[in-house]
């Protein structure tokens, strides 16, 4: 089954990597990711993420003073109609700590997953296979959909 077919009609929490693949047009993933973001833009897939994504994606553009890339990331994460970036609340922080304690995952991953859980995502989309061990939300890994 294609990734967009799996996600159609769902609320999806998107990890940082898929957004990087889309904005930076990663050759390995661009066709599957372009299709995903096309469905998001058309409203067939509702998407969320956390503001930790903004932090993660802006490091290299700031380091390289790449104003174009900075603007593209800000546009998609702050002004997209069908992608909402949720701030890190105390509820997100507490659930993140519980997830870290249970699964020994990194803080940014725990925050992303906690946002997905707390804001009603059906699926967490990532490319980190280690996160499949999380059972509180369905985790899909992009590489599993690459032929």
C-alpha atoms as a PDB file:
ATOM      1  CA  UNK A   1       0.000   0.000   0.000  1.00  0.00           C
ATOM      2  CA  UNK A   2       1.269   3.485  -0.826  1.00  0.00           C
ATOM      3  CA  UNK A   3       2.038   5.858   2.021  1.00  0.00           C
ATOM      4  CA  UNK A   4      -0.622   8.398   1.017  1.00  0.00           C
ATOM      5  CA  UNK A   5      -3.232   5.631   0.818  1.00  0.00           C
ATOM      6  CA  UNK A   6      -2.299   4.557   4.344  1.00  0.00           C
ATOM      7  CA  UNK A   7      -2.614   8.138   5.623  1.00  0.00           C
ATOM      8  CA  UNK A   8      -5.621   9.376   3.636  1.00  0.00           C
ATOM      9  CA  UNK A   9      -8.274  10.839   5.929  1.00  0.00           C
ATOM     10  CA  UNK A  10      -6.079  10.623   9.016  1.00  0.00           C
ATOM     11  CA  UNK A  11      -4.532  13.153  11.367  1.00  0.00           C
ATOM     12  CA  UNK A  12      -0.773  12.635  11.074  1.00  0.00           C
ATOM     13  CA  UNK A  13       1.971  13.907  13.340  1.00  0.00           C
ATOM     14  CA  UNK A  14       5.017  14.478  11.144  1.00  0.00           C
ATOM     15  CA  UNK A  15       8.545  14.114  12.484  1.00  0.00           C
ATOM     16  CA  UNK A  16      11.308  16.465  11.341  1.00  0.00           C
ATOM     17  CA  UNK A  17      12.908  14.234   8.686  1.00  0.00           C
ATOM     18  CA  UNK A  18       9.923  14.118   6.287  1.00  0.00           C
ATOM     19  CA  UNK A  19       9.737  17.912   6.333  1.00  0.00           C
ATOM     20  CA  UNK A  20      13.447  18.170   5.555  1.00  0.00           C
ATOM     21  CA  UNK A  21      13.023  15.667   2.705  1.00  0.00           C
ATOM     22  CA  UNK A  22      10.234  17.803   1.253  1.00  0.00           C
ATOM     23  CA  UNK A  23      11.806  21.245   1.566  1.00  0.00           C
ATOM     24  CA  UNK A  24      15.297  20.134   0.537  1.00  0.00           C
ATOM     25  CA  UNK A  25      13.961  17.791  -2.178  1.00  0.00           C
ATOM     26  CA  UNK A  26      15.879  14.709  -1.043  1.00  0.00           C
ATOM     27  CA  UNK A  27      16.348  12.486  -4.112  1.00  0.00           C
ATOM     28  CA  UNK A  28      15.633   9.254  -2.250  1.00  0.00           C
ATOM     29  CA  UNK A  29      12.312  10.405  -0.835  1.00  0.00           C
ATOM     30  CA  UNK A  30      11.055  13.280  -2.981  1.00  0.00           C
ATOM     31  CA  UNK A  31       8.446  11.348  -4.979  1.00  0.00           C
ATOM     32  CA  UNK A  32       6.768   9.792  -1.938  1.00  0.00           C
ATOM     33  CA  UNK A  33       7.085  12.996   0.093  1.00  0.00           C
ATOM     34  CA  UNK A  34       5.824  15.270  -2.690  1.00  0.00           C
ATOM     35  CA  UNK A  35       2.755  13.042  -2.942  1.00  0.00           C
ATOM     36  CA  UNK A  36       2.258  13.236   0.839  1.00  0.00           C
ATOM     37  CA  UNK A  37       2.492  17.018   0.966  1.00  0.00           C
ATOM     38  CA  UNK A  38       0.205  17.281  -2.056  1.00  0.00           C
ATOM     39  CA  UNK A  39      -2.455  15.381  -0.118  1.00  0.00           C
ATOM     40  CA  UNK A  40      -1.834  17.580   2.919  1.00  0.00           C
ATOM     41  CA  UNK A  41      -2.211  20.736   0.798  1.00  0.00           C
ATOM     42  CA  UNK A  42      -5.472  19.433  -0.668  1.00  0.00           C
ATOM     43  CA  UNK A  43      -6.837  18.718   2.815  1.00  0.00           C
ATOM     44  CA  UNK A  44      -7.032  14.935   2.423  1.00  0.00           C
ATOM     45  CA  UNK A  45      -4.484  14.432   5.192  1.00  0.00           C
ATOM     46  CA  UNK A  46      -4.473  16.607   8.307  1.00  0.00           C
ATOM     47  CA  UNK A  47      -0.976  17.140   9.670  1.00  0.00           C
ATOM     48  CA  UNK A  48       0.581  18.369  12.874  1.00  0.00           C
ATOM     49  CA  UNK A  49       4.064  18.612  14.325  1.00  0.00           C
ATOM     50  CA  UNK A  50       5.707  20.411  17.231  1.00  0.00           C
ATOM     51  CA  UNK A  51       7.724  23.591  17.315  1.00  0.00           C
ATOM     52  CA  UNK A  52      10.768  21.407  18.030  1.00  0.00           C
ATOM     53  CA  UNK A  53      10.669  20.761  14.277  1.00  0.00           C
ATOM     54  CA  UNK A  54      11.344  24.446  13.638  1.00  0.00           C
ATOM     55  CA  UNK A  55      14.331  24.296  15.981  1.00  0.00           C
ATOM     56  CA  UNK A  56      15.716  21.182  14.285  1.00  0.00           C
ATOM     57  CA  UNK A  57      15.285  22.303  10.671  1.00  0.00           C
ATOM     58  CA  UNK A  58      16.727  25.795  11.140  1.00  0.00           C
ATOM     59  CA  UNK A  59      20.130  24.828  12.580  1.00  0.00           C
ATOM     60  CA  UNK A  60      21.941  24.233   9.272  1.00  0.00           C
ATOM     61  CA  UNK A  61      20.280  27.111   7.393  1.00  0.00           C
ATOM     62  CA  UNK A  62      21.276  29.503  10.203  1.00  0.00           C
ATOM     63  CA  UNK A  63      24.791  28.066  10.300  1.00  0.00           C
ATOM     64  CA  UNK A  64      25.109  28.580   6.538  1.00  0.00           C
ATOM     65  CA  UNK A  65      23.187  31.882   6.490  1.00  0.00           C
ATOM     66  CA  UNK A  66      20.780  30.371   3.951  1.00  0.00           C
ATOM     67  CA  UNK A  67      17.940  32.901   4.117  1.00  0.00           C
ATOM     68  CA  UNK A  68      15.953  31.183   1.364  1.00  0.00           C
ATOM     69  CA  UNK A  69      15.866  27.885   3.253  1.00  0.00           C
ATOM     70  CA  UNK A  70      15.072  29.665   6.523  1.00  0.00           C
ATOM     71  CA  UNK A  71      12.096  31.357   4.842  1.00  0.00           C
ATOM     72  CA  UNK A  72      10.874  28.083   3.271  1.00  0.00           C
ATOM     73  CA  UNK A  73      10.966  26.269   6.610  1.00  0.00           C
ATOM     74  CA  UNK A  74       9.233  29.128   8.418  1.00  0.00           C
ATOM     75  CA  UNK A  75       6.566  29.291   5.719  1.00  0.00           C
ATOM     76  CA  UNK A  76       5.686  25.599   5.891  1.00  0.00           C
ATOM     77  CA  UNK A  77       5.858  25.326   9.678  1.00  0.00           C
ATOM     78  CA  UNK A  78       4.313  28.628  10.705  1.00  0.00           C
ATOM     79  CA  UNK A  79       1.932  29.567   7.905  1.00  0.00           C
ATOM     80  CA  UNK A  80       0.663  26.350   6.304  1.00  0.00           C
ATOM     81  CA  UNK A  81      -3.083  25.978   6.245  1.00  0.00           C
ATOM     82  CA  UNK A  82      -3.022  22.194   6.736  1.00  0.00           C
ATOM     83  CA  UNK A  83       0.047  21.774   8.967  1.00  0.00           C
ATOM     84  CA  UNK A  84      -0.134  22.947  12.573  1.00  0.00           C
ATOM     85  CA  UNK A  85       3.001  23.226  14.730  1.00  0.00           C
ATOM     86  CA  UNK A  86       2.060  22.922  18.405  1.00  0.00           C
ATOM     87  CA  UNK A  87       4.111  24.562  21.127  1.00  0.00           C
ATOM     88  CA  UNK A  88       5.638  22.566  23.946  1.00  0.00           C
ATOM     89  CA  UNK A  89       3.290  22.826  26.928  1.00  0.00           C
ATOM     90  CA  UNK A  90       3.796  21.403  30.401  1.00  0.00           C
ATOM     91  CA  UNK A  91       1.497  18.500  29.407  1.00  0.00           C
ATOM     92  CA  UNK A  92       3.724  17.772  26.405  1.00  0.00           C
ATOM     93  CA  UNK A  93       6.817  17.994  28.620  1.00  0.00           C
ATOM     94  CA  UNK A  94       5.413  15.582  31.191  1.00  0.00           C
ATOM     95  CA  UNK A  95       4.283  13.020  28.622  1.00  0.00           C
ATOM     96  CA  UNK A  96       7.649  13.377  26.863  1.00  0.00           C
ATOM     97  CA  UNK A  97       9.411  12.536  30.121  1.00  0.00           C
ATOM     98  CA  UNK A  98       7.220   9.444  30.562  1.00  0.00           C
ATOM     99  CA  UNK A  99       7.974   8.315  27.000  1.00  0.00           C
ATOM    100  CA  UNK A 100      11.714   8.865  27.507  1.00  0.00           C
ATOM    101  CA  UNK A 101      11.617   6.883  30.753  1.00  0.00           C
ATOM    102  CA  UNK A 102       9.700   4.005  29.189  1.00  0.00           C
ATOM    103  CA  UNK A 103      11.430   3.740  25.795  1.00  0.00           C
ATOM    104  CA  UNK A 104      14.844   5.410  26.295  1.00  0.00           C
ATOM    105  CA  UNK A 105      14.252   7.654  23.289  1.00  0.00           C
ATOM    106  CA  UNK A 106      15.815  11.053  22.634  1.00  0.00           C
ATOM    107  CA  UNK A 107      14.147  14.195  23.955  1.00  0.00           C
ATOM    108  CA  UNK A 108      13.178  15.635  20.530  1.00  0.00           C
ATOM    109  CA  UNK A 109      11.599  12.311  19.525  1.00  0.00           C
ATOM    110  CA  UNK A 110       9.698  12.108  22.809  1.00  0.00           C
ATOM    111  CA  UNK A 111       8.390  15.655  22.322  1.00  0.00           C
ATOM    112  CA  UNK A 112       7.248  14.957  18.767  1.00  0.00           C
ATOM    113  CA  UNK A 113       5.455  11.765  19.778  1.00  0.00           C
ATOM    114  CA  UNK A 114       3.886  13.411  22.844  1.00  0.00           C
ATOM    115  CA  UNK A 115       2.480  16.179  20.632  1.00  0.00           C
ATOM    116  CA  UNK A 116       1.019  13.537  18.341  1.00  0.00           C
ATOM    117  CA  UNK A 117      -0.622  11.710  21.210  1.00  0.00           C
ATOM    118  CA  UNK A 118      -1.933  14.783  23.034  1.00  0.00           C
ATOM    119  CA  UNK A 119      -3.263  16.501  19.913  1.00  0.00           C
ATOM    120  CA  UNK A 120      -5.109  13.490  18.568  1.00  0.00           C
ATOM    121  CA  UNK A 121      -2.908  12.203  15.763  1.00  0.00           C
ATOM    122  CA  UNK A 122      -3.797   8.777  14.425  1.00  0.00           C
ATOM    123  CA  UNK A 123      -0.254   8.147  13.200  1.00  0.00           C
ATOM    124  CA  UNK A 124       3.285   9.372  13.829  1.00  0.00           C
ATOM    125  CA  UNK A 125       5.264   9.572  10.571  1.00  0.00           C
ATOM    126  CA  UNK A 126       9.039   9.337  10.852  1.00  0.00           C
ATOM    127  CA  UNK A 127      12.032   7.716   9.271  1.00  0.00           C
ATOM    128  CA  UNK A 128      13.480   6.531  12.579  1.00  0.00           C
ATOM    129  CA  UNK A 129      12.940   2.775  12.885  1.00  0.00           C
ATOM    130  CA  UNK A 130      13.840   2.889  16.584  1.00  0.00           C
ATOM    131  CA  UNK A 131      10.561   4.689  17.270  1.00  0.00           C
ATOM    132  CA  UNK A 132       8.487   1.680  16.156  1.00  0.00           C
ATOM    133  CA  UNK A 133       8.800   0.404  19.725  1.00  0.00           C
ATOM    134  CA  UNK A 134       6.439   3.146  20.935  1.00  0.00           C
ATOM    135  CA  UNK A 135       2.993   1.616  21.416  1.00  0.00           C
ATOM    136  CA  UNK A 136       0.925   4.659  22.439  1.00  0.00           C
ATOM    137  CA  UNK A 137       0.551   5.791  18.818  1.00  0.00           C
ATOM    138  CA  UNK A 138       0.868   4.002  15.495  1.00  0.00           C
ATOM    139  CA  UNK A 139       4.347   4.712  14.086  1.00  0.00           C
ATOM    140  CA  UNK A 140       4.979   4.565  10.345  1.00  0.00           C
ATOM    141  CA  UNK A 141       8.501   4.663   8.904  1.00  0.00           C
ATOM    142  CA  UNK A 142       8.925   6.160   5.436  1.00  0.00           C
ATOM    143  CA  UNK A 143      11.625   3.672   4.434  1.00  0.00           C
ATOM    144  CA  UNK A 144       9.038   0.899   4.810  1.00  0.00           C
ATOM    145  CA  UNK A 145       7.157   2.447   1.857  1.00  0.00           C
ATOM    146  CA  UNK A 146      10.166   2.870  -0.456  1.00  0.00           C
ATOM    147  CA  UNK A 147      10.345   0.248  -3.183  1.00  0.00           C
END
